[in-house]
Amino acid sequence: MRTAFRSREEAGRALAERLSGYASRNPVVFALPRGGVPVAAEIARALHAPLDLLFVRKVGLPWQPELAYAAVVDGNPPETVINEDVARYEPMSEREFADAVRRELDEIKRRRELYLTGRPSIDPIGRAAIVVDDGLATGTTARAALRALKRRQPSSLVLAVPVAPRSTVRELSPLVDELVCLAMPEPFDAIGLHYLDFHQLSDDEVIALLRAADGG
């Protein structure tokens, strides 16, 4: 039977129960926007932790945009992770790849300015950093996000997702101190099939969730 969450919020509350032990470890919750934000907001609320965003974008193939060729995270310098399984069989030229990365970094800049309106990122040094998304497929974007966040020296690094393929969980587990995944159904197919409500979040919804987390 396929596991289904009613909503991202329900999944976030279930993850919060599994992560309750981190409440005493000065945690920071980092959401991968947009879909990870409502999940992470529930976790941050339950742990009485600040909520921040970790901007990462999938770099899709020009002829198949939904297939993750790579992922890029903003930073100085930006962190890029290539999905070697895809690159082996569907190679992009250097020009195609550079153009695609630049487009995604431009979108990251747009979202940062819109969502955070100048609010500085929370420093995770010495704190438990909990990275949250609404699910994993290949794990390419999560891998890039984790590598970038690890450079910022949290005391511990946690990845928390409601649903993911078992193979992806196995591949990402060595990158973190703990990986919490509520369901690993087989066959996996697509993240959205494991939610009853998996609507595309709008920018306004993300901004509202961030304001609520800040007490606004």
Foldseek 3Di string as FASTA:
>chain_A
DFAAAAALLSLLLVLLVVVQVQLVQQEEEEEEPDQFLNSSLNNCVSSVHFYHYWYKDFQADPVGGVDGQWMWTVDVHIFIGGPVVCCVPPNDDPVSRVVSVVVSVVVSVVLCCLQVVPPDGDQQAAGEYEYTGAEDEQCRRVVSSLVVNVVSHHPFYEYEYAEYAPVNCVVCCVSGPYYHYNYHDPPDPDSVVRYSDDDRDDSVVSNVSNCVSVVD
